[in-house]
Amino acid sequence: MKKFVNEVDNILSESLIGFGKAHSDIINVNLSPDFVSRKNKPNKDKVSLISGGGSGHEPLHGGFVGYGMLDAACPGQVFSAPTPDQMEAASNEVYHNKGILFIVKNYSGDIMNFEMAADMIDHANQTVIVNDDVAVEDSTYTTGRRGVAGTMIVEKTIGSLAETGASLDECKNFGDHVNNMTASMGVAFSSCTVPAAGKPTFELSADEMEFGVGIHGEPGRRREKIKSANDLTKEILDNILEDLKPNNNQEVLLHVNGFGGTPLMELYLLFECGQKLLEKKNIVVTRSLVGNYTTSLEMAGGSFTITKLDENIVNHWDSPVHTSSLRWKI
């Protein structure tokens, strides 16, 4: 195993401490229980947004804590759900008088532990379940579709709405709406190595890929020979569009996400392939994001995410955000 590591058992805590020091102007890091919280508290009452999940997907979720997105994120061990006491502690830290909204990827362990946390806290709370992956309906980790790169889009748009002082119900309903307007699918050229395991999660031959892979290395729809970028893009986007059923001249956000081991050069090549294909189908890409935002340690590969846009989604996507990994101003 070739990784930067001192002791395997300390990887998460050492990484969190480094993350906190690197972005001390934006976030605070709490250890035991582990959570990341927004340093600059809002100056008015607002719904507090909390997300989290297994580590190894950085910058999801801790990288999206800050103005315009999350108030806190709870990192579990690598590819393992955070514990209810983490969510409880984070909730008590960031509660700001208008309730707690949990944003949870659709994995069994995550949902179970967030549900336990929801019962433990005294504050009013609701949950948005993200299930944007169209590759498989059920897997080892889930019942139903997995939550993948579309999670970041849900976090950004609800985060913007929460900054306006919207109610807990309004934030919950908008999050469900954005999730329903979003679909993703990915492909892997290699596995990743979970530090505690010390060996790749699965093996692929030099000419093979896993089509429809999950962000923990879960199997996808099938294993097959590598195809050209154009052919791969067409197959992935055809599956996404079959799910979303966009109207003619539908405006969309196109997000090309890397899994951690793919160069940006190749991700931008995928964006070019995707934009051209969508243009031929009379689908208009008016918003875009390319890069490593929902990773799987060092896995080579990537995914496409499409969000159908309406006026509200556009307004809350475009609004100012300031986190360690996503930031822009109007």
C-alpha atoms as a PDB file:
ATOM      1  CA  MET A   1       0.000   0.000   0.000  1.00  0.00           C
ATOM      2  CA  LYS A   2       1.536   3.298  -1.121  1.00  0.00           C
ATOM      3  CA  LYS A   3      -0.087   6.102   0.859  1.00  0.00           C
ATOM      4  CA  PHE A   4       1.027   9.000   3.009  1.00  0.00           C
ATOM      5  CA  VAL A   5       0.348   7.520   6.431  1.00  0.00           C
ATOM      6  CA  ASN A   6       1.810   7.407   9.916  1.00  0.00           C
ATOM      7  CA  GLU A   7      -0.542   5.054  11.738  1.00  0.00           C
ATOM      8  CA  VAL A   8      -3.573   3.704   9.888  1.00  0.00           C
ATOM      9  CA  ASP A   9      -5.791   4.197  12.925  1.00  0.00           C
ATOM     10  CA  ASN A  10      -4.882   7.905  13.074  1.00  0.00           C
ATOM     11  CA  ILE A  11      -5.408   8.843   9.435  1.00  0.00           C
ATOM     12  CA  LEU A  12      -8.774  10.519   9.971  1.00  0.00           C
ATOM     13  CA  SER A  13      -7.847  12.504  13.076  1.00  0.00           C
ATOM     14  CA  GLU A  14      -4.540  13.713  11.613  1.00  0.00           C
ATOM     15  CA  SER A  15      -6.270  14.671   8.370  1.00  0.00           C
ATOM     16  CA  LEU A  16      -9.012  16.558  10.225  1.00  0.00           C
ATOM     17  CA  ILE A  17      -6.453  18.474  12.292  1.00  0.00           C
ATOM     18  CA  GLY A  18      -4.591  19.456   9.132  1.00  0.00           C
ATOM     19  CA  PHE A  19      -7.832  20.430   7.419  1.00  0.00           C
ATOM     20  CA  GLY A  20      -8.780  22.655  10.343  1.00  0.00           C
ATOM     21  CA  LYS A  21      -5.417  24.410  10.374  1.00  0.00           C
ATOM     22  CA  ALA A  22      -5.434  24.930   6.607  1.00  0.00           C
ATOM     23  CA  HIS A  23      -8.891  26.550   6.660  1.00  0.00           C
ATOM     24  CA  SER A  24      -9.026  28.092  10.121  1.00  0.00           C
ATOM     25  CA  ASP A  25     -10.696  31.213   8.720  1.00  0.00           C
ATOM     26  CA  ILE A  26     -13.732  29.162   7.590  1.00  0.00           C
ATOM     27  CA  ILE A  27     -14.185  26.138   9.840  1.00  0.00           C
ATOM     28  CA  ASN A  28     -13.628  24.692  13.277  1.00  0.00           C
ATOM     29  CA  VAL A  29     -12.726  21.038  13.814  1.00  0.00           C
ATOM     30  CA  ASN A  30     -13.943  19.126  16.843  1.00  0.00           C
ATOM     31  CA  LEU A  31     -12.456  15.752  17.774  1.00  0.00           C
ATOM     32  CA  SER A  32     -14.100  12.997  19.838  1.00  0.00           C
ATOM     33  CA  PRO A  33     -16.737  13.182  18.562  1.00  0.00           C
ATOM     34  CA  ASP A  34     -15.495  14.294  15.154  1.00  0.00           C
ATOM     35  CA  PHE A  35     -17.284  17.042  13.279  1.00  0.00           C
ATOM     36  CA  VAL A  36     -16.502  20.124  11.228  1.00  0.00           C
ATOM     37  CA  SER A  37     -18.520  23.275  11.881  1.00  0.00           C
ATOM     38  CA  ARG A  38     -18.848  26.706  10.373  1.00  0.00           C
ATOM     39  CA  LYS A  39     -16.608  29.238  12.094  1.00  0.00           C
ATOM     40  CA  ASN A  40     -18.439  32.446  11.173  1.00  0.00           C
ATOM     41  CA  LYS A  41     -21.857  31.985  12.740  1.00  0.00           C
ATOM     42  CA  PRO A  42     -24.890  33.441  10.935  1.00  0.00           C
ATOM     43  CA  ASN A  43     -26.071  36.787  12.271  1.00  0.00           C
ATOM     44  CA  LYS A  44     -29.749  35.814  12.089  1.00  0.00           C
ATOM     45  CA  ASP A  45     -31.873  32.777  12.835  1.00  0.00           C
ATOM     46  CA  LYS A  46     -31.617  30.120  10.141  1.00  0.00           C
ATOM     47  CA  VAL A  47     -32.122  26.433   9.510  1.00  0.00           C
ATOM     48  CA  SER A  48     -28.867  24.603  10.271  1.00  0.00           C
ATOM     49  CA  LEU A  49     -27.740  22.143   7.595  1.00  0.00           C
ATOM     50  CA  ILE A  50     -25.780  19.062   8.643  1.00  0.00           C
ATOM     51  CA  SER A  51     -24.459  16.369   6.337  1.00  0.00           C
ATOM     52  CA  GLY A  52     -21.816  13.695   6.576  1.00  0.00           C
ATOM     53  CA  GLY A  53     -20.794  10.209   5.642  1.00  0.00           C
ATOM     54  CA  GLY A  54     -17.741   8.024   5.392  1.00  0.00           C
ATOM     55  CA  SER A  55     -14.406   9.711   4.861  1.00  0.00           C
ATOM     56  CA  GLY A  56     -12.561   9.121   1.592  1.00  0.00           C
ATOM     57  CA  HIS A  57     -14.965  11.207  -0.510  1.00  0.00           C
ATOM     58  CA  GLU A  58     -13.286  14.578   0.126  1.00  0.00           C
ATOM     59  CA  PRO A  59     -14.051  17.380  -0.379  1.00  0.00           C
ATOM     60  CA  LEU A  60     -17.541  15.973   0.301  1.00  0.00           C
ATOM     61  CA  HIS A  61     -18.745  16.845   2.984  1.00  0.00           C
ATOM     62  CA  GLY A  62     -16.370  18.824   5.179  1.00  0.00           C
ATOM     63  CA  GLY A  63     -15.122  20.860   2.244  1.00  0.00           C
ATOM     64  CA  PHE A  64     -18.611  22.312   1.837  1.00  0.00           C
ATOM     65  CA  VAL A  65     -18.974  23.721   5.356  1.00  0.00           C
ATOM     66  CA  GLY A  66     -19.231  27.496   5.311  1.00  0.00           C
ATOM     67  CA  TYR A  67     -21.370  30.400   4.170  1.00  0.00           C
ATOM     68  CA  GLY A  68     -24.013  29.368   1.646  1.00  0.00           C
ATOM     69  CA  MET A  69     -23.719  25.631   2.233  1.00  0.00           C
ATOM     70  CA  LEU A  70     -23.396  23.426   5.311  1.00  0.00           C
ATOM     71  CA  ASP A  71     -23.256  24.465   8.947  1.00  0.00           C
ATOM     72  CA  ALA A  72     -21.605  21.188   9.951  1.00  0.00           C
ATOM     73  CA  ALA A  73     -20.348  17.898   8.541  1.00  0.00           C
ATOM     74  CA  CYS A  74     -19.754  14.612  10.368  1.00  0.00           C
ATOM     75  CA  PRO A  75     -16.977  12.409   8.938  1.00  0.00           C
ATOM     76  CA  GLY A  76     -17.057   8.705   9.649  1.00  0.00           C
ATOM     77  CA  GLN A  77     -14.110   6.383   9.267  1.00  0.00           C
ATOM     78  CA  VAL A  78     -13.156   5.624   5.653  1.00  0.00           C
ATOM     79  CA  PHE A  79     -16.297   4.512   3.805  1.00  0.00           C
ATOM     80  CA  SER A  80     -18.115   4.024   7.138  1.00  0.00           C
ATOM     81  CA  ALA A  81     -21.112   5.962   8.414  1.00  0.00           C
ATOM     82  CA  PRO A  82     -20.590   8.569  11.134  1.00  0.00           C
ATOM     83  CA  THR A  83     -22.056   7.740  14.521  1.00  0.00           C
ATOM     84  CA  PRO A  84     -25.205   9.270  16.046  1.00  0.00           C
ATOM     85  CA  ASP A  85     -23.213  10.980  18.801  1.00  0.00           C
ATOM     86  CA  GLN A  86     -21.312  12.913  16.119  1.00  0.00           C
ATOM     87  CA  MET A  87     -24.559  14.246  14.629  1.00  0.00           C
ATOM     88  CA  GLU A  88     -25.948  15.023  18.073  1.00  0.00           C
ATOM     89  CA  ALA A  89     -22.862  17.019  19.055  1.00  0.00           C
ATOM     90  CA  ALA A  90     -22.792  18.828  15.708  1.00  0.00           C
ATOM     91  CA  SER A  91     -26.503  19.666  16.013  1.00  0.00           C
ATOM     92  CA  ASN A  92     -26.045  21.182  19.452  1.00  0.00           C
ATOM     93  CA  GLU A  93     -23.083  23.199  18.206  1.00  0.00           C
ATOM     94  CA  VAL A  94     -24.715  24.754  15.135  1.00  0.00           C
ATOM     95  CA  TYR A  95     -28.402  24.965  16.092  1.00  0.00           C
ATOM     96  CA  HIS A  96     -29.618  28.483  15.278  1.00  0.00           C
ATOM     97  CA  ASN A  97     -33.271  28.580  16.358  1.00  0.00           C
ATOM     98  CA  LYS A  98     -34.984  27.350  13.153  1.00  0.00           C
ATOM     99  CA  GLY A  99     -34.376  23.607  13.276  1.00  0.00           C
ATOM    100  CA  ILE A 100     -31.900  21.115  11.856  1.00  0.00           C
ATOM    101  CA  LEU A 101     -31.994  19.718   8.321  1.00  0.00           C
ATOM    102  CA  PHE A 102     -29.959  16.557   7.780  1.00  0.00           C
ATOM    103  CA  ILE A 103     -28.773  15.882   4.214  1.00  0.00           C
ATOM    104  CA  VAL A 104     -28.046  12.170   3.905  1.00  0.00           C
ATOM    105  CA  LYS A 105     -26.823  10.016   1.031  1.00  0.00           C
ATOM    106  CA  ASN A 106     -28.941   6.910   0.528  1.00  0.00           C
ATOM    107  CA  TYR A 107     -26.760   4.296   2.222  1.00  0.00           C
ATOM    108  CA  SER A 108     -28.210   2.014   4.859  1.00  0.00           C
ATOM    109  CA  GLY A 109     -25.663   2.785   7.572  1.00  0.00           C
ATOM    110  CA  ASP A 110     -25.874   6.545   7.029  1.00  0.00           C
ATOM    111  CA  ILE A 111     -29.670   6.561   7.126  1.00  0.00           C
ATOM    112  CA  MET A 112     -29.853   4.360  10.226  1.00  0.00           C
ATOM    113  CA  ASN A 113     -27.383   6.500  12.191  1.00  0.00           C
ATOM    114  CA  PHE A 114     -28.882   9.814  11.121  1.00  0.00           C
ATOM    115  CA  GLU A 115     -32.336   8.515  12.114  1.00  0.00           C
ATOM    116  CA  MET A 116     -30.971   7.623  15.545  1.00  0.00           C
ATOM    117  CA  ALA A 117     -29.450  11.083  15.859  1.00  0.00           C
ATOM    118  CA  ALA A 118     -32.740  12.701  14.869  1.00  0.00           C
ATOM    119  CA  ASP A 119     -34.389  10.893  17.785  1.00  0.00           C
ATOM    120  CA  MET A 120     -31.625  11.919  20.184  1.00  0.00           C
ATOM    121  CA  ILE A 121     -31.648  15.687  19.622  1.00  0.00           C
ATOM    122  CA  ASP A 122     -34.146  18.078  21.187  1.00  0.00           C
ATOM    123  CA  HIS A 123     -34.346  20.406  18.184  1.00  0.00           C
ATOM    124  CA  ALA A 124     -36.952  20.180  15.430  1.00  0.00           C
ATOM    125  CA  ASN A 125     -35.412  18.338  12.503  1.00  0.00           C
ATOM    126  CA  GLN A 126     -36.096  16.860   9.095  1.00  0.00           C
ATOM    127  CA  THR A 127     -34.070  14.889   6.561  1.00  0.00           C
ATOM    128  CA  VAL A 128     -33.416  15.047   2.826  1.00  0.00           C
ATOM    129  CA  ILE A 129     -32.333  11.710   1.330  1.00  0.00           C
ATOM    130  CA  VAL A 130     -30.174  12.048  -1.788  1.00  0.00           C
ATOM    131  CA  ASN A 131     -30.483   9.165  -4.273  1.00  0.00           C
ATOM    132  CA  ASP A 132     -29.258  10.527  -7.595  1.00  0.00           C
ATOM    133  CA  ASP A 133     -27.373   7.458  -8.906  1.00  0.00           C
ATOM    134  CA  VAL A 134     -29.290   5.844 -11.781  1.00  0.00           C
ATOM    135  CA  ALA A 135     -26.860   2.927 -12.182  1.00  0.00           C
ATOM    136  CA  VAL A 136     -28.497   0.416  -9.832  1.00  0.00           C
ATOM    137  CA  GLU A 137     -31.641   0.277  -7.743  1.00  0.00           C
ATOM    138  CA  ASP A 138     -30.177  -1.879  -4.980  1.00  0.00           C
ATOM    139  CA  SER A 139     -26.645  -2.692  -3.838  1.00  0.00           C
ATOM    140  CA  THR A 140     -24.797  -4.121  -0.854  1.00  0.00           C
ATOM    141  CA  TYR A 141     -24.915  -0.699   0.800  1.00  0.00           C
ATOM    142  CA  THR A 142     -28.403   0.506  -0.083  1.00  0.00           C
ATOM    143  CA  THR A 143     -32.034  -0.214  -0.543  1.00  0.00           C
ATOM    144  CA  GLY A 144     -32.866   1.888  -3.548  1.00  0.00           C
ATOM    145  CA  ARG A 145     -30.653   4.233  -5.524  1.00  0.00           C
ATOM    146  CA  ARG A 146     -27.336   5.414  -4.125  1.00  0.00           C
ATOM    147  CA  GLY A 147     -26.484   8.993  -3.243  1.00  0.00           C
ATOM    148  CA  VAL A 148     -23.417  10.193  -5.143  1.00  0.00           C
ATOM    149  CA  ALA A 149     -22.117  13.421  -6.741  1.00  0.00           C
ATOM    150  CA  GLY A 150     -25.533  15.080  -6.865  1.00  0.00           C
ATOM    151  CA  THR A 151     -25.289  15.436  -3.081  1.00  0.00           C
ATOM    152  CA  MET A 152     -23.066  18.489  -3.473  1.00  0.00           C
ATOM    153  CA  ILE A 153     -25.662  20.176  -5.700  1.00  0.00           C
ATOM    154  CA  VAL A 154     -28.388  19.521  -3.132  1.00  0.00           C
ATOM    155  CA  GLU A 155     -26.156  20.911  -0.361  1.00  0.00           C
ATOM    156  CA  LYS A 156     -25.329  24.057  -2.335  1.00  0.00           C
ATOM    157  CA  THR A 157     -28.869  24.940  -3.302  1.00  0.00           C
ATOM    158  CA  ILE A 158     -30.468  24.233   0.092  1.00  0.00           C
ATOM    159  CA  GLY A 159     -27.590  26.062   1.737  1.00  0.00           C
ATOM    160  CA  SER A 160     -28.422  29.150  -0.268  1.00  0.00           C
ATOM    161  CA  LEU A 161     -32.110  28.934   0.585  1.00  0.00           C
ATOM    162  CA  ALA A 162     -31.341  28.529   4.288  1.00  0.00           C
ATOM    163  CA  GLU A 163     -29.284  31.737   4.225  1.00  0.00           C
ATOM    164  CA  THR A 164     -32.441  33.656   3.233  1.00  0.00           C
ATOM    165  CA  GLY A 165     -34.156  32.667   6.512  1.00  0.00           C
ATOM    166  CA  ALA A 166     -36.424  30.066   4.921  1.00  0.00           C
ATOM    167  CA  SER A 167     -38.304  27.694   7.221  1.00  0.00           C
ATOM    168  CA  LEU A 168     -37.375  24.081   7.935  1.00  0.00           C
ATOM    169  CA  ASP A 169     -40.278  22.855   5.798  1.00  0.00           C
ATOM    170  CA  GLU A 170     -39.259  25.117   2.908  1.00  0.00           C
ATOM    171  CA  CYS A 171     -35.670  23.857   3.009  1.00  0.00           C
ATOM    172  CA  LYS A 172     -36.768  20.228   3.219  1.00  0.00           C
ATOM    173  CA  ASN A 173     -39.203  20.564   0.292  1.00  0.00           C
ATOM    174  CA  PHE A 174     -36.658  22.390  -1.869  1.00  0.00           C
ATOM    175  CA  GLY A 175     -34.009  19.770  -1.144  1.00  0.00           C
ATOM    176  CA  ASP A 176     -36.359  16.988  -2.219  1.00  0.00           C
ATOM    177  CA  HIS A 177     -37.154  18.964  -5.370  1.00  0.00           C
ATOM    178  CA  VAL A 178     -33.487  19.432  -6.318  1.00  0.00           C
ATOM    179  CA  ASN A 179     -32.820  15.751  -5.662  1.00  0.00           C
ATOM    180  CA  ASN A 180     -35.691  14.798  -7.980  1.00  0.00           C
ATOM    181  CA  MET A 181     -34.264  17.060 -10.690  1.00  0.00           C
ATOM    182  CA  THR A 182     -30.805  15.462 -10.452  1.00  0.00           C
ATOM    183  CA  ALA A 183     -29.347  12.211 -11.773  1.00  0.00           C
ATOM    184  CA  SER A 184     -25.818  10.787 -11.903  1.00  0.00           C
ATOM    185  CA  MET A 185     -23.849   7.836 -13.204  1.00  0.00           C
ATOM    186  CA  GLY A 186     -20.164   6.930 -13.186  1.00  0.00           C
ATOM    187  CA  VAL A 187     -17.488   4.557 -14.419  1.00  0.00           C
ATOM    188  CA  ALA A 188     -14.243   3.331 -12.829  1.00  0.00           C
ATOM    189  CA  PHE A 189     -10.978   2.297 -14.494  1.00  0.00           C
ATOM    190  CA  SER A 190      -9.346   1.161 -11.239  1.00  0.00           C
ATOM    191  CA  SER A 191     -10.186   0.339  -7.659  1.00  0.00           C
ATOM    192  CA  CYS A 192      -9.131   2.268  -4.597  1.00  0.00           C
ATOM    193  CA  THR A 193      -7.346   0.999  -1.504  1.00  0.00           C
ATOM    194  CA  VAL A 194      -9.004   1.505   1.874  1.00  0.00           C
ATOM    195  CA  PRO A 195      -6.102   2.133   4.285  1.00  0.00           C
ATOM    196  CA  ALA A 196      -7.362  -0.334   6.887  1.00  0.00           C
ATOM    197  CA  ALA A 197      -7.603  -3.067   4.241  1.00  0.00           C
ATOM    198  CA  GLY A 198      -4.227  -2.354   2.652  1.00  0.00           C
ATOM    199  CA  LYS A 199      -5.206  -3.787  -0.722  1.00  0.00           C
ATOM    200  CA  PRO A 200      -7.499  -2.769  -3.605  1.00  0.00           C
ATOM    201  CA  THR A 201     -11.219  -3.281  -3.049  1.00  0.00           C
ATOM    202  CA  PHE A 202     -11.519  -5.053  -6.411  1.00  0.00           C
ATOM    203  CA  GLU A 203      -9.337  -5.935  -9.378  1.00  0.00           C
ATOM    204  CA  LEU A 204      -9.712  -4.760 -12.961  1.00  0.00           C
ATOM    205  CA  SER A 205      -7.621  -5.897 -15.912  1.00  0.00           C
ATOM    206  CA  ALA A 206      -5.733  -3.251 -17.849  1.00  0.00           C
ATOM    207  CA  ASP A 207      -8.433  -3.172 -20.526  1.00  0.00           C
ATOM    208  CA  GLU A 208     -11.487  -3.374 -18.222  1.00  0.00           C
ATOM    209  CA  MET A 209     -13.793  -0.852 -16.545  1.00  0.00           C
ATOM    210  CA  GLU A 210     -16.662  -1.054 -14.047  1.00  0.00           C
ATOM    211  CA  PHE A 211     -19.700   0.598 -15.631  1.00  0.00           C
ATOM    212  CA  GLY A 212     -22.056   2.227 -13.124  1.00  0.00           C
ATOM    213  CA  VAL A 213     -19.646   1.926 -10.187  1.00  0.00           C
ATOM    214  CA  GLY A 214     -20.524   3.298  -6.729  1.00  0.00           C
ATOM    215  CA  ILE A 215     -18.366   5.747  -4.809  1.00  0.00           C
ATOM    216  CA  HIS A 216     -17.244   3.028  -2.371  1.00  0.00           C
ATOM    217  CA  GLY A 217     -16.134   0.776  -5.188  1.00  0.00           C
ATOM    218  CA  GLU A 218     -19.430  -1.134  -5.209  1.00  0.00           C
ATOM    219  CA  PRO A 219     -20.133  -3.061  -8.405  1.00  0.00           C
ATOM    220  CA  GLY A 220     -22.056  -1.289 -11.102  1.00  0.00           C
ATOM    221  CA  ARG A 221     -24.222  -2.649 -13.876  1.00  0.00           C
ATOM    222  CA  ARG A 222     -21.449  -4.691 -15.484  1.00  0.00           C
ATOM    223  CA  ARG A 223     -17.741  -5.069 -16.069  1.00  0.00           C
ATOM    224  CA  GLU A 224     -16.662  -4.611 -19.662  1.00  0.00           C
ATOM    225  CA  LYS A 225     -13.873  -3.527 -21.991  1.00  0.00           C
ATOM    226  CA  ILE A 226     -12.865   0.132 -21.966  1.00  0.00           C
ATOM    227  CA  LYS A 227     -14.577   2.242 -24.627  1.00  0.00           C
ATOM    228  CA  SER A 228     -13.773   5.609 -26.167  1.00  0.00           C
ATOM    229  CA  ALA A 229     -14.710   8.728 -24.211  1.00  0.00           C
ATOM    230  CA  ASN A 230     -17.428   9.542 -26.746  1.00  0.00           C
ATOM    231  CA  ASP A 231     -18.988   6.083 -26.509  1.00  0.00           C
ATOM    232  CA  LEU A 232     -18.828   6.071 -22.715  1.00  0.00           C
ATOM    233  CA  THR A 233     -20.344   9.536 -22.507  1.00  0.00           C
ATOM    234  CA  LYS A 234     -23.214   8.573 -24.777  1.00  0.00           C
ATOM    235  CA  GLU A 235     -24.055   5.453 -22.781  1.00  0.00           C
ATOM    236  CA  ILE A 236     -23.905   7.249 -19.430  1.00  0.00           C
ATOM    237  CA  LEU A 237     -25.891  10.290 -20.548  1.00  0.00           C
ATOM    238  CA  ASP A 238     -28.497   8.151 -22.302  1.00  0.00           C
ATOM    239  CA  ASN A 239     -29.155   6.437 -18.947  1.00  0.00           C
ATOM    240  CA  ILE A 240     -29.336   9.752 -17.103  1.00  0.00           C
ATOM    241  CA  LEU A 241     -31.648  11.339 -19.649  1.00  0.00           C
ATOM    242  CA  GLU A 242     -33.928   8.312 -19.660  1.00  0.00           C
ATOM    243  CA  ASP A 243     -34.354   8.906 -15.936  1.00  0.00           C
ATOM    244  CA  LEU A 244     -34.746  12.704 -16.015  1.00  0.00           C
ATOM    245  CA  LYS A 245     -36.827  12.927 -19.216  1.00  0.00           C
ATOM    246  CA  PRO A 246     -35.919  16.559 -19.942  1.00  0.00           C
ATOM    247  CA  ASN A 247     -38.084  18.705 -22.164  1.00  0.00           C
ATOM    248  CA  ASN A 248     -36.906  20.082 -25.482  1.00  0.00           C
ATOM    249  CA  ASN A 249     -34.537  23.034 -24.887  1.00  0.00           C
ATOM    250  CA  GLN A 250     -34.321  22.160 -21.189  1.00  0.00           C
ATOM    251  CA  GLU A 251     -31.603  24.140 -19.418  1.00  0.00           C
ATOM    252  CA  VAL A 252     -29.322  22.006 -17.242  1.00  0.00           C
ATOM    253  CA  LEU A 253     -26.346  22.058 -14.934  1.00  0.00           C
ATOM    254  CA  LEU A 254     -23.705  19.607 -16.173  1.00  0.00           C
ATOM    255  CA  HIS A 255     -21.292  18.393 -13.494  1.00  0.00           C
ATOM    256  CA  VAL A 256     -18.333  16.188 -14.420  1.00  0.00           C
ATOM    257  CA  ASN A 257     -16.888  14.716 -11.236  1.00  0.00           C
ATOM    258  CA  GLY A 258     -13.582  12.922 -10.768  1.00  0.00           C
ATOM    259  CA  PHE A 259     -13.158  10.012  -8.369  1.00  0.00           C
ATOM    260  CA  GLY A 260      -9.715  11.142  -7.192  1.00  0.00           C
ATOM    261  CA  GLY A 261      -7.307   9.512  -9.638  1.00  0.00           C
ATOM    262  CA  THR A 262      -8.282  11.071 -12.978  1.00  0.00           C
ATOM    263  CA  PRO A 263      -6.476  14.156 -14.358  1.00  0.00           C
ATOM    264  CA  LEU A 264      -8.455  17.333 -14.940  1.00  0.00           C
ATOM    265  CA  MET A 265      -7.431  17.163 -18.603  1.00  0.00           C
ATOM    266  CA  GLU A 266      -9.524  14.026 -18.981  1.00  0.00           C
ATOM    267  CA  LEU A 267     -12.441  15.433 -16.973  1.00  0.00           C
ATOM    268  CA  TYR A 268     -12.621  18.480 -19.258  1.00  0.00           C
ATOM    269  CA  LEU A 269     -12.476  16.129 -22.249  1.00  0.00           C
ATOM    270  CA  LEU A 270     -15.519  14.362 -20.803  1.00  0.00           C
ATOM    271  CA  PHE A 271     -17.279  17.694 -20.370  1.00  0.00           C
ATOM    272  CA  GLU A 272     -16.658  18.480 -24.046  1.00  0.00           C
ATOM    273  CA  CYS A 273     -18.061  15.087 -25.041  1.00  0.00           C
ATOM    274  CA  GLY A 274     -21.095  15.599 -22.809  1.00  0.00           C
ATOM    275  CA  GLN A 275     -21.860  19.163 -23.847  1.00  0.00           C
ATOM    276  CA  LYS A 276     -21.744  18.280 -27.552  1.00  0.00           C
ATOM    277  CA  LEU A 277     -24.018  15.291 -27.075  1.00  0.00           C
ATOM    278  CA  LEU A 278     -26.553  17.291 -25.056  1.00  0.00           C
ATOM    279  CA  GLU A 279     -26.521  20.073 -27.639  1.00  0.00           C
ATOM    280  CA  LYS A 280     -27.454  17.570 -30.331  1.00  0.00           C
ATOM    281  CA  LYS A 281     -30.401  16.512 -28.159  1.00  0.00           C
ATOM    282  CA  ASN A 282     -31.566  20.140 -27.767  1.00  0.00           C
ATOM    283  CA  ILE A 283     -30.564  20.238 -24.107  1.00  0.00           C
ATOM    284  CA  VAL A 284     -28.856  23.482 -23.132  1.00  0.00           C
ATOM    285  CA  VAL A 285     -25.954  23.483 -20.678  1.00  0.00           C
ATOM    286  CA  THR A 286     -26.166  26.846 -18.917  1.00  0.00           C
ATOM    287  CA  ARG A 287     -24.317  25.948 -15.693  1.00  0.00           C
ATOM    288  CA  SER A 288     -21.262  23.730 -15.272  1.00  0.00           C
ATOM    289  CA  LEU A 289     -18.810  22.349 -12.739  1.00  0.00           C
ATOM    290  CA  VAL A 290     -15.790  20.142 -13.452  1.00  0.00           C
ATOM    291  CA  GLY A 291     -13.414  18.650 -10.918  1.00  0.00           C
ATOM    292  CA  ASN A 292     -12.940  16.277  -7.995  1.00  0.00           C
ATOM    293  CA  TYR A 293     -15.850  16.994  -5.636  1.00  0.00           C
ATOM    294  CA  THR A 294     -17.135  13.536  -4.644  1.00  0.00           C
ATOM    295  CA  THR A 295     -14.147  11.225  -4.695  1.00  0.00           C
ATOM    296  CA  SER A 296     -13.387   7.626  -3.829  1.00  0.00           C
ATOM    297  CA  LEU A 297      -9.866   7.915  -2.435  1.00  0.00           C
ATOM    298  CA  GLU A 298      -7.540   7.376  -5.442  1.00  0.00           C
ATOM    299  CA  MET A 299      -9.978   5.595  -7.743  1.00  0.00           C
ATOM    300  CA  ALA A 300      -9.481   6.372 -11.428  1.00  0.00           C
ATOM    301  CA  GLY A 301     -12.724   7.235 -13.184  1.00  0.00           C
ATOM    302  CA  GLY A 302     -15.477   9.792 -13.045  1.00  0.00           C
ATOM    303  CA  SER A 303     -19.151  10.514 -13.272  1.00  0.00           C
ATOM    304  CA  PHE A 304     -21.668  12.758 -14.963  1.00  0.00           C
ATOM    305  CA  THR A 305     -24.403  14.552 -13.040  1.00  0.00           C
ATOM    306  CA  ILE A 306     -27.211  16.483 -14.692  1.00  0.00           C
ATOM    307  CA  THR A 307     -29.619  18.753 -12.844  1.00  0.00           C
ATOM    308  CA  LYS A 308     -32.659  20.093 -14.672  1.00  0.00           C
ATOM    309  CA  LEU A 309     -32.784  23.808 -13.942  1.00  0.00           C
ATOM    310  CA  ASP A 310     -35.655  26.079 -13.036  1.00  0.00           C
ATOM    311  CA  GLU A 311     -35.560  29.664 -11.801  1.00  0.00           C
ATOM    312  CA  ASN A 312     -35.265  28.741  -8.122  1.00  0.00           C
ATOM    313  CA  ILE A 313     -32.490  26.220  -8.639  1.00  0.00           C
ATOM    314  CA  VAL A 314     -30.547  28.673 -10.817  1.00  0.00           C
ATOM    315  CA  ASN A 315     -30.884  31.465  -8.264  1.00  0.00           C
ATOM    316  CA  HIS A 316     -29.664  29.278  -5.427  1.00  0.00           C
ATOM    317  CA  TRP A 317     -26.863  27.702  -7.456  1.00  0.00           C
ATOM    318  CA  ASP A 318     -25.575  31.116  -8.531  1.00  0.00           C
ATOM    319  CA  SER A 319     -25.777  32.709  -5.075  1.00  0.00           C
ATOM    320  CA  PRO A 320     -22.552  33.462  -3.156  1.00  0.00           C
ATOM    321  CA  VAL A 321     -20.804  30.608  -1.382  1.00  0.00           C
ATOM    322  CA  HIS A 322     -17.619  30.523   0.687  1.00  0.00           C
ATOM    323  CA  THR A 323     -16.294  27.125   1.749  1.00  0.00           C
ATOM    324  CA  SER A 324     -12.875  25.550   1.521  1.00  0.00           C
ATOM    325  CA  SER A 325     -13.745  23.720  -1.707  1.00  0.00           C
ATOM    326  CA  LEU A 326     -16.525  25.731  -3.349  1.00  0.00           C
ATOM    327  CA  ARG A 327     -16.579  29.500  -3.411  1.00  0.00           C
ATOM    328  CA  TRP A 328     -17.821  32.257  -5.670  1.00  0.00           C
ATOM    329  CA  LYS A 329     -19.466  35.662  -5.533  1.00  0.00           C
ATOM    330  CA  ILE A 330     -22.062  37.321  -7.720  1.00  0.00           C
END
